[in-house]
C-alpha cells in the first residue's frame, strides 16, 4: 500500500473516531444527561457513528483537502 493512501486511511480512521466520540457523547448528554442511560446510548452512538463517519471521511477527504489547499493558496500537493 502506498504511503499516501495509508496516511489518508489512518487519518480518516482516527479523525472519524474522535469526531464520533465527542459528538455522540455531547448530543447523548443533551438528550439524557449523565447516567447509566447516557453511557449505554453513548456507546451505541459510537458503534453506529464511527463506521459511517469513517466511510464519509474516506469518501470526501481527498476533495476537501484539495479545496483547503486552494483556499490556503498552497500550490501542488503537500
Protein backbone atom coordinates (compact mmCIF):
# COMPACT_ATOMS: atom_id res chain seq x y z
CA UNK A 1 0.00 0.00 0.00
CA UNK A 2 1.35 3.43 -0.97
CA UNK A 3 2.33 5.64 1.99
CA UNK A 4 -0.07 8.43 0.92
CA UNK A 5 -3.02 6.04 0.87
CA UNK A 6 -2.02 4.57 4.23
CA UNK A 7 -1.78 8.04 5.79
CA UNK A 8 -5.13 9.08 4.29
CA UNK A 9 -6.87 5.95 5.63
CA UNK A 10 -5.30 6.26 9.08
CA UNK A 11 -6.23 9.95 9.22
CA UNK A 12 -9.83 9.14 8.25
CA UNK A 13 -9.95 6.34 10.82
CA UNK A 14 -8.61 8.44 13.70
CA UNK A 15 -10.49 11.63 12.84
CA UNK A 16 -13.81 9.82 12.41
CA UNK A 17 -13.29 8.07 15.76
CA UNK A 18 -12.52 11.33 17.56
CA UNK A 19 -15.48 13.12 15.98
CA UNK A 20 -17.84 10.22 16.75
CA UNK A 21 -16.57 10.01 20.32
CA UNK A 22 -17.06 13.70 21.08
CA UNK A 23 -20.24 14.39 19.14
CA UNK A 24 -22.09 11.27 20.22
CA UNK A 25 -21.09 11.97 23.83
CA UNK A 26 -22.21 15.59 23.67
CA UNK A 27 -25.54 15.03 21.97
CA UNK A 28 -26.31 11.98 24.08
CA UNK A 29 -25.64 14.12 27.17
CA UNK A 30 -28.09 16.73 25.87
CA UNK A 31 -30.74 14.05 25.39
CA UNK A 32 -30.24 12.00 28.58
CA UNK A 33 -27.96 13.90 30.98
CA UNK A 34 -25.25 11.88 32.71
CA UNK A 35 -26.19 8.43 34.00
CA UNK A 36 -26.43 4.77 33.03
CA UNK A 37 -28.72 5.57 30.09
CA UNK A 38 -26.25 8.12 28.83
CA UNK A 39 -23.32 5.70 28.93
CA UNK A 40 -25.23 2.96 27.10
CA UNK A 41 -26.56 5.37 24.46
CA UNK A 42 -23.11 6.93 24.00
CA UNK A 43 -21.57 3.53 23.32
CA UNK A 44 -24.33 2.72 20.85
CA UNK A 45 -23.86 6.10 19.16
CA UNK A 46 -20.13 5.50 18.73
CA UNK A 47 -20.73 1.97 17.38
CA UNK A 48 -23.13 3.34 14.76
CA UNK A 49 -21.47 6.69 14.05
CA UNK A 50 -17.84 5.66 13.71
CA UNK A 51 -18.20 3.36 10.68
CA UNK A 52 -20.45 5.90 8.97
CA UNK A 53 -18.03 8.72 9.80
CA UNK A 54 -15.10 6.68 8.51
CA UNK A 55 -16.81 5.99 5.19
CA UNK A 56 -17.76 9.64 4.76
CA UNK A 57 -14.28 10.89 5.75
CA UNK A 58 -12.66 8.43 3.34
CA UNK A 59 -15.01 9.36 0.51
CA UNK A 60 -14.69 13.15 0.80
CA UNK A 61 -11.25 13.52 2.39
CA UNK A 62 -9.36 14.00 -0.89
CA UNK A 63 -11.66 16.62 -2.39
CA UNK A 64 -11.92 18.52 0.91
CA UNK A 65 -8.13 18.54 1.21
CA UNK A 66 -7.75 19.91 -2.32
CA UNK A 67 -10.28 22.68 -1.59
CA UNK A 68 -8.43 23.53 1.63
CA UNK A 69 -5.13 23.71 -0.25
CA UNK A 70 -6.64 26.07 -2.82
CA UNK A 71 -8.23 28.27 -0.15
CA UNK A 72 -4.90 28.43 1.68
CA UNK A 73 -3.13 29.39 -1.54
CA UNK A 74 -0.89 26.33 -1.49
CA UNK A 75 0.06 25.05 -4.91
CA UNK A 76 0.51 21.36 -5.54
CA UNK A 77 0.15 18.56 -3.03
CA UNK A 78 1.51 18.99 0.46
